[in-house]
Amino acid sequence: MSPLDYNQKLVNFLEQELNIPAESIALVERHPELPYSSFPMLLWRYGLITIAQLDRIFDWLDNGFSNSVRDF
């Protein structure tokens, strides 16, 4: 999977499954110098998601992006 596909799938999951506002995602995306793999941690660090949401993101990532209802 290309980095662009990964990024888009992650953003889709955040917006559609966790209802993270696009503005919150855009705030973190303003830091292109940081690796995209740290994206979920930055959302949490900035207080834009809860620890429970962070846990769901990591579960989704660990399961190969397959926890989305849109994949069933």
PDB file of N, CA and C in Angstrom:
ATOM      1  N   MET A   1       0.851  -1.173   0.000  1.00  0.00           N
ATOM      2  CA  MET A   1       0.000   0.000   0.000  1.00  0.00           C
ATOM      3  C   MET A   1       0.895   1.233   0.000  1.00  0.00           C
ATOM      4  N   SER A   2       0.576   2.156  -0.867  1.00  0.00           N
ATOM      5  CA  SER A   2       1.377   3.375  -0.951  1.00  0.00           C
ATOM      6  C   SER A   2       1.098   4.272   0.254  1.00  0.00           C
ATOM      7  N   PRO A   3       2.032   5.146   0.587  1.00  0.00           N
ATOM      8  CA  PRO A   3       1.802   6.074   1.703  1.00  0.00           C
ATOM      9  C   PRO A   3       0.543   6.925   1.511  1.00  0.00           C
ATOM     10  N   LEU A   4       0.240   7.298   0.281  1.00  0.00           N
ATOM     11  CA  LEU A   4      -0.964   8.094   0.043  1.00  0.00           C
ATOM     12  C   LEU A   4      -2.229   7.294   0.337  1.00  0.00           C
ATOM     13  N   ASP A   5      -2.235   6.017  -0.037  1.00  0.00           N
ATOM     14  CA  ASP A   5      -3.382   5.159   0.271  1.00  0.00           C
ATOM     15  C   ASP A   5      -3.545   5.002   1.775  1.00  0.00           C
ATOM     16  N   TYR A   6      -2.430   4.763   2.451  1.00  0.00           N
ATOM     17  CA  TYR A   6      -2.446   4.632   3.911  1.00  0.00           C
ATOM     18  C   TYR A   6      -2.994   5.893   4.554  1.00  0.00           C
ATOM     19  N   ASN A   7      -2.482   7.034   4.150  1.00  0.00           N
ATOM     20  CA  ASN A   7      -2.921   8.305   4.726  1.00  0.00           C
ATOM     21  C   ASN A   7      -4.409   8.512   4.510  1.00  0.00           C
ATOM     22  N   GLN A   8      -4.888   8.246   3.303  1.00  0.00           N
ATOM     23  CA  GLN A   8      -6.299   8.466   3.008  1.00  0.00           C
ATOM     24  C   GLN A   8      -7.193   7.514   3.786  1.00  0.00           C
ATOM     25  N   LYS A   9      -6.771   6.263   3.913  1.00  0.00           N
ATOM     26  CA  LYS A   9      -7.552   5.304   4.696  1.00  0.00           C
ATOM     27  C   LYS A   9      -7.607   5.715   6.164  1.00  0.00           C
ATOM     28  N   LEU A  10      -6.499   6.191   6.692  1.00  0.00           N
ATOM     29  CA  LEU A  10      -6.481   6.644   8.079  1.00  0.00           C
ATOM     30  C   LEU A  10      -7.394   7.847   8.264  1.00  0.00           C
ATOM     31  N   VAL A  11      -7.302   8.818   7.381  1.00  0.00           N
ATOM     32  CA  VAL A  11      -8.150  10.010   7.480  1.00  0.00           C
ATOM     33  C   VAL A  11      -9.619   9.616   7.356  1.00  0.00           C
ATOM     34  N   ASN A  12      -9.943   8.724   6.423  1.00  0.00           N
ATOM     35  CA  ASN A  12     -11.331   8.265   6.281  1.00  0.00           C
ATOM     36  C   ASN A  12     -11.830   7.610   7.562  1.00  0.00           C
ATOM     37  N   PHE A  13     -10.992   6.762   8.165  1.00  0.00           N
ATOM     38  CA  PHE A  13     -11.369   6.116   9.415  1.00  0.00           C
ATOM     39  C   PHE A  13     -11.615   7.152  10.504  1.00  0.00           C
ATOM     40  N   LEU A  14     -10.720   8.109  10.622  1.00  0.00           N
ATOM     41  CA  LEU A  14     -10.864   9.138  11.648  1.00  0.00           C
ATOM     42  C   LEU A  14     -12.151   9.934  11.478  1.00  0.00           C
ATOM     43  N   GLU A  15     -12.440  10.312  10.245  1.00  0.00           N
ATOM     44  CA  GLU A  15     -13.624  11.138   9.982  1.00  0.00           C
ATOM     45  C   GLU A  15     -14.919  10.334  10.052  1.00  0.00           C
ATOM     46  N   GLN A  16     -14.919   9.149   9.457  1.00  0.00           N
ATOM     47  CA  GLN A  16     -16.163   8.395   9.331  1.00  0.00           C
ATOM     48  C   GLN A  16     -16.490   7.536  10.541  1.00  0.00           C
ATOM     49  N   GLU A  17     -15.499   6.913  11.119  1.00  0.00           N
ATOM     50  CA  GLU A  17     -15.754   5.992  12.223  1.00  0.00           C
ATOM     51  C   GLU A  17     -15.661   6.662  13.596  1.00  0.00           C
ATOM     52  N   LEU A  18     -14.740   7.605  13.728  1.00  0.00           N
ATOM     53  CA  LEU A  18     -14.540   8.251  15.026  1.00  0.00           C
ATOM     54  C   LEU A  18     -15.103   9.670  15.078  1.00  0.00           C
ATOM     55  N   ASN A  19     -15.617  10.132  13.944  1.00  0.00           N
ATOM     56  CA  ASN A  19     -16.207  11.477  13.862  1.00  0.00           C
ATOM     57  C   ASN A  19     -15.248  12.580  14.299  1.00  0.00           C
ATOM     58  N   ILE A  20     -13.987  12.441  13.927  1.00  0.00           N
ATOM     59  CA  ILE A  20     -12.994  13.468  14.210  1.00  0.00           C
ATOM     60  C   ILE A  20     -13.198  14.586  13.185  1.00  0.00           C
ATOM     61  N   PRO A  21     -13.359  15.814  13.631  1.00  0.00           N
ATOM     62  CA  PRO A  21     -13.577  16.916  12.686  1.00  0.00           C
ATOM     63  C   PRO A  21     -12.389  17.104  11.737  1.00  0.00           C
ATOM     64  N   ALA A  22     -12.720  17.463  10.509  1.00  0.00           N
ATOM     65  CA  ALA A  22     -11.690  17.704   9.497  1.00  0.00           C
ATOM     66  C   ALA A  22     -10.720  18.786   9.957  1.00  0.00           C
ATOM     67  N   GLU A  23     -11.203  19.731  10.729  1.00  0.00           N
ATOM     68  CA  GLU A  23     -10.347  20.809  11.223  1.00  0.00           C
ATOM     69  C   GLU A  23      -9.267  20.271  12.157  1.00  0.00           C
ATOM     70  N   SER A  24      -9.613  19.294  12.959  1.00  0.00           N
ATOM     71  CA  SER A  24      -8.634  18.686  13.862  1.00  0.00           C
ATOM     72  C   SER A  24      -7.566  17.939  13.076  1.00  0.00           C
ATOM     73  N   ILE A  25      -7.999  17.221  12.058  1.00  0.00           N
ATOM     74  CA  ILE A  25      -7.058  16.483  11.218  1.00  0.00           C
ATOM     75  C   ILE A  25      -6.144  17.462  10.486  1.00  0.00           C
ATOM     76  N   ALA A  26      -6.725  18.538   9.974  1.00  0.00           N
ATOM     77  CA  ALA A  26      -5.942  19.538   9.240  1.00  0.00           C
ATOM     78  C   ALA A  26      -4.888  20.185  10.134  1.00  0.00           C
ATOM     79  N   LEU A  27      -5.222  20.388  11.399  1.00  0.00           N
ATOM     80  CA  LEU A  27      -4.264  20.987  12.337  1.00  0.00           C
ATOM     81  C   LEU A  27      -3.003  20.131  12.441  1.00  0.00           C
ATOM     82  N   VAL A  28      -3.169  18.841  12.562  1.00  0.00           N
ATOM     83  CA  VAL A  28      -2.020  17.943  12.691  1.00  0.00           C
ATOM     84  C   VAL A  28      -1.298  17.790  11.350  1.00  0.00           C
ATOM     85  N   GLU A  29      -2.038  17.845  10.257  1.00  0.00           N
ATOM     86  CA  GLU A  29      -1.413  17.711   8.936  1.00  0.00           C
ATOM     87  C   GLU A  29      -0.507  18.894   8.599  1.00  0.00           C
ATOM     88  N   ARG A  30      -0.575  19.945   9.366  1.00  0.00           N
ATOM     89  CA  ARG A  30       0.280  21.113   9.120  1.00  0.00           C
ATOM     90  C   ARG A  30       1.724  20.878   9.531  1.00  0.00           C
ATOM     91  N   HIS A  31       2.018  19.711  10.030  1.00  0.00           N
ATOM     92  CA  HIS A  31       3.368  19.370  10.470  1.00  0.00           C
ATOM     93  C   HIS A  31       3.950  18.299   9.558  1.00  0.00           C
ATOM     94  N   PRO A  32       4.243  18.647   8.299  1.00  0.00           N
ATOM     95  CA  PRO A  32       4.729  17.630   7.351  1.00  0.00           C
ATOM     96  C   PRO A  32       6.108  17.085   7.690  1.00  0.00           C
ATOM     97  N   GLU A  33       6.813  17.747   8.579  1.00  0.00           N
ATOM     98  CA  GLU A  33       8.148  17.261   8.945  1.00  0.00           C
ATOM     99  C   GLU A  33       8.086  16.023   9.830  1.00  0.00           C
ATOM    100  N   LEU A  34       6.928  15.756  10.391  1.00  0.00           N
ATOM    101  CA  LEU A  34       6.763  14.608  11.272  1.00  0.00           C
ATOM    102  C   LEU A  34       6.300  13.398  10.472  1.00  0.00           C
ATOM    103  N   PRO A  35       6.748  12.210  10.858  1.00  0.00           N
ATOM    104  CA  PRO A  35       6.293  11.009  10.144  1.00  0.00           C
ATOM    105  C   PRO A  35       4.795  10.797  10.345  1.00  0.00           C
ATOM    106  N   TYR A  36       4.113  10.335   9.300  1.00  0.00           N
ATOM    107  CA  TYR A  36       2.671  10.145   9.391  1.00  0.00           C
ATOM    108  C   TYR A  36       2.317   9.085  10.421  1.00  0.00           C
ATOM    109  N   SER A  37       3.253   8.207  10.731  1.00  0.00           N
ATOM    110  CA  SER A  37       2.983   7.176  11.732  1.00  0.00           C
ATOM    111  C   SER A  37       2.745   7.769  13.114  1.00  0.00           C
ATOM    112  N   SER A  38       3.219   8.982  13.352  1.00  0.00           N
ATOM    113  CA  SER A  38       2.992   9.622  14.648  1.00  0.00           C
ATOM    114  C   SER A  38       1.698  10.438  14.661  1.00  0.00           C
ATOM    115  N   PHE A  39       0.962  10.431  13.565  1.00  0.00           N
ATOM    116  CA  PHE A  39      -0.266  11.204  13.425  1.00  0.00           C
ATOM    117  C   PHE A  39      -1.275  10.940  14.556  1.00  0.00           C
ATOM    118  N   PRO A  40      -1.601   9.670  14.869  1.00  0.00           N
ATOM    119  CA  PRO A  40      -2.547   9.427  15.967  1.00  0.00           C
ATOM    120  C   PRO A  40      -2.055   9.973  17.307  1.00  0.00           C
ATOM    121  N   MET A  41      -0.768   9.842  17.577  1.00  0.00           N
ATOM    122  CA  MET A  41      -0.230  10.357  18.841  1.00  0.00           C
ATOM    123  C   MET A  41      -0.326  11.881  18.909  1.00  0.00           C
ATOM    124  N   LEU A  42      -0.112  12.534  17.780  1.00  0.00           N
ATOM    125  CA  LEU A  42      -0.224  13.995  17.760  1.00  0.00           C
ATOM    126  C   LEU A  42      -1.661  14.433  18.007  1.00  0.00           C
ATOM    127  N   LEU A  43      -2.623  13.736  17.435  1.00  0.00           N
ATOM    128  CA  LEU A  43      -4.025  14.063  17.697  1.00  0.00           C
ATOM    129  C   LEU A  43      -4.318  13.988  19.194  1.00  0.00           C
ATOM    130  N   TRP A  44      -3.815  12.941  19.826  1.00  0.00           N
ATOM    131  CA  TRP A  44      -4.040  12.765  21.265  1.00  0.00           C
ATOM    132  C   TRP A  44      -3.272  13.812  22.073  1.00  0.00           C
ATOM    133  N   ARG A  45      -2.040  14.027  21.701  1.00  0.00           N
ATOM    134  CA  ARG A  45      -1.191  14.988  22.421  1.00  0.00           C
ATOM    135  C   ARG A  45      -1.779  16.402  22.413  1.00  0.00           C
ATOM    136  N   TYR A  46      -2.394  16.760  21.275  1.00  0.00           N
ATOM    137  CA  TYR A  46      -3.027  18.079  21.170  1.00  0.00           C
ATOM    138  C   TYR A  46      -4.417  18.115  21.797  1.00  0.00           C
ATOM    139  N   GLY A  47      -4.864  17.005  22.350  1.00  0.00           N
ATOM    140  CA  GLY A  47      -6.169  16.966  22.996  1.00  0.00           C
ATOM    141  C   GLY A  47      -7.332  16.896  22.019  1.00  0.00           C
ATOM    142  N   LEU A  48      -7.056  16.423  20.797  1.00  0.00           N
ATOM    143  CA  LEU A  48      -8.088  16.390  19.766  1.00  0.00           C
ATOM    144  C   LEU A  48      -8.856  15.071  19.742  1.00  0.00           C
ATOM    145  N   ILE A  49      -8.298  14.050  20.410  1.00  0.00           N
ATOM    146  CA  ILE A  49      -8.979  12.771  20.561  1.00  0.00           C
ATOM    147  C   ILE A  49      -8.766  12.282  21.994  1.00  0.00           C
ATOM    148  N   THR A  50      -9.625  11.375  22.408  1.00  0.00           N
ATOM    149  CA  THR A  50      -9.503  10.788  23.739  1.00  0.00           C
ATOM    150  C   THR A  50      -8.557   9.593  23.700  1.00  0.00           C
ATOM    151  N   ILE A  51      -8.187   9.133  24.866  1.00  0.00           N
ATOM    152  CA  ILE A  51      -7.330   7.941  24.943  1.00  0.00           C
ATOM    153  C   ILE A  51      -8.078   6.724  24.397  1.00  0.00           C
ATOM    154  N   ALA A  52      -9.390   6.670  24.581  1.00  0.00           N
ATOM    155  CA  ALA A  52     -10.184   5.567  24.039  1.00  0.00           C
ATOM    156  C   ALA A  52     -10.174   5.603  22.508  1.00  0.00           C
ATOM    157  N   GLN A  53     -10.263   6.796  21.929  1.00  0.00           N
ATOM    158  CA  GLN A  53     -10.187   6.911  20.480  1.00  0.00           C
ATOM    159  C   GLN A  53      -8.799   6.523  19.973  1.00  0.00           C
ATOM    160  N   LEU A  54      -7.780   6.926  20.688  1.00  0.00           N
ATOM    161  CA  LEU A  54      -6.411   6.555  20.319  1.00  0.00           C
ATOM    162  C   LEU A  54      -6.261   5.036  20.325  1.00  0.00           C
ATOM    163  N   ASP A  55      -6.831   4.398  21.325  1.00  0.00           N
ATOM    164  CA  ASP A  55      -6.787   2.939  21.403  1.00  0.00           C
ATOM    165  C   ASP A  55      -7.505   2.305  20.219  1.00  0.00           C
ATOM    166  N   ARG A  56      -8.632   2.845  19.820  1.00  0.00           N
ATOM    167  CA  ARG A  56      -9.356   2.333  18.655  1.00  0.00           C
ATOM    168  C   ARG A  56      -8.540   2.497  17.377  1.00  0.00           C
ATOM    169  N   ILE A  57      -7.846   3.624  17.257  1.00  0.00           N
ATOM    170  CA  ILE A  57      -7.002   3.848  16.079  1.00  0.00           C
ATOM    171  C   ILE A  57      -5.893   2.805  16.025  1.00  0.00           C
ATOM    172  N   PHE A  58      -5.231   2.568  17.149  1.00  0.00           N
ATOM    173  CA  PHE A  58      -4.162   1.573  17.167  1.00  0.00           C
ATOM    174  C   PHE A  58      -4.696   0.170  16.885  1.00  0.00           C
ATOM    175  N   ASP A  59      -5.874  -0.153  17.416  1.00  0.00           N
ATOM    176  CA  ASP A  59      -6.479  -1.453  17.103  1.00  0.00           C
ATOM    177  C   ASP A  59      -6.751  -1.569  15.611  1.00  0.00           C
ATOM    178  N   TRP A  60      -7.284  -0.500  15.032  1.00  0.00           N
ATOM    179  CA  TRP A  60      -7.581  -0.492  13.598  1.00  0.00           C
ATOM    180  C   TRP A  60      -6.304  -0.669  12.779  1.00  0.00           C
ATOM    181  N   LEU A  61      -5.248   0.033  13.166  1.00  0.00           N
ATOM    182  CA  LEU A  61      -3.966  -0.091  12.470  1.00  0.00           C
ATOM    183  C   LEU A  61      -3.387  -1.500  12.616  1.00  0.00           C
ATOM    184  N   ASP A  62      -3.464  -2.048  13.828  1.00  0.00           N
ATOM    185  CA  ASP A  62      -2.937  -3.393  14.081  1.00  0.00           C
ATOM    186  C   ASP A  62      -3.673  -4.466  13.289  1.00  0.00           C
ATOM    187  N   ASN A  63      -4.946  -4.228  13.024  1.00  0.00           N
ATOM    188  CA  ASN A  63      -5.758  -5.206  12.301  1.00  0.00           C
ATOM    189  C   ASN A  63      -5.761  -4.961  10.802  1.00  0.00           C
ATOM    190  N   GLY A  64      -4.792  -4.226  10.319  1.00  0.00           N
ATOM    191  CA  GLY A  64      -4.654  -4.020   8.892  1.00  0.00           C
ATOM    192  C   GLY A  64      -5.754  -3.188   8.275  1.00  0.00           C
ATOM    193  N   PHE A  65      -6.217  -2.199   9.004  1.00  0.00           N
ATOM    194  CA  PHE A  65      -7.228  -1.258   8.520  1.00  0.00           C
ATOM    195  C   PHE A  65      -8.573  -1.921   8.271  1.00  0.00           C
ATOM    196  N   SER A  66      -8.867  -3.030   8.914  1.00  0.00           N
ATOM    197  CA  SER A  66     -10.074  -3.776   8.563  1.00  0.00           C
ATOM    198  C   SER A  66     -11.218  -3.633   9.561  1.00  0.00           C
ATOM    199  N   ASN A  67     -11.088  -2.793  10.575  1.00  0.00           N
ATOM    200  CA  ASN A  67     -12.154  -2.646  11.547  1.00  0.00           C
ATOM    201  C   ASN A  67     -13.260  -1.705  11.110  1.00  0.00           C
ATOM    202  N   SER A  68     -13.184  -1.197   9.927  1.00  0.00           N
ATOM    203  CA  SER A  68     -14.205  -0.285   9.440  1.00  0.00           C
ATOM    204  C   SER A  68     -15.427  -1.051   9.001  1.00  0.00           C
ATOM    205  N   VAL A  69     -16.619  -0.581   9.349  1.00  0.00           N
ATOM    206  CA  VAL A  69     -17.828  -1.238   8.913  1.00  0.00           C
ATOM    207  C   VAL A  69     -17.956  -1.203   7.400  1.00  0.00           C
ATOM    208  N   ARG A  70     -17.301  -0.270   6.746  1.00  0.00           N
ATOM    209  CA  ARG A  70     -17.371  -0.169   5.306  1.00  0.00           C
ATOM    210  C   ARG A  70     -16.586  -1.278   4.615  1.00  0.00           C
ATOM    211  N   ASP A  71     -15.778  -2.021   5.361  1.00  0.00           N
ATOM    212  CA  ASP A  71     -14.998  -3.115   4.791  1.00  0.00           C
ATOM    213  C   ASP A  71     -15.759  -4.444   4.806  1.00  0.00           C
ATOM    214  N   PHE A  72     -16.884  -4.500   5.502  1.00  0.00           N
ATOM    215  CA  PHE A  72     -17.629  -5.768   5.630  1.00  0.00           C
ATOM    216  C   PHE A  72     -18.621  -5.926   4.514  1.00  0.00           C
TER     217      PHE A  72
END
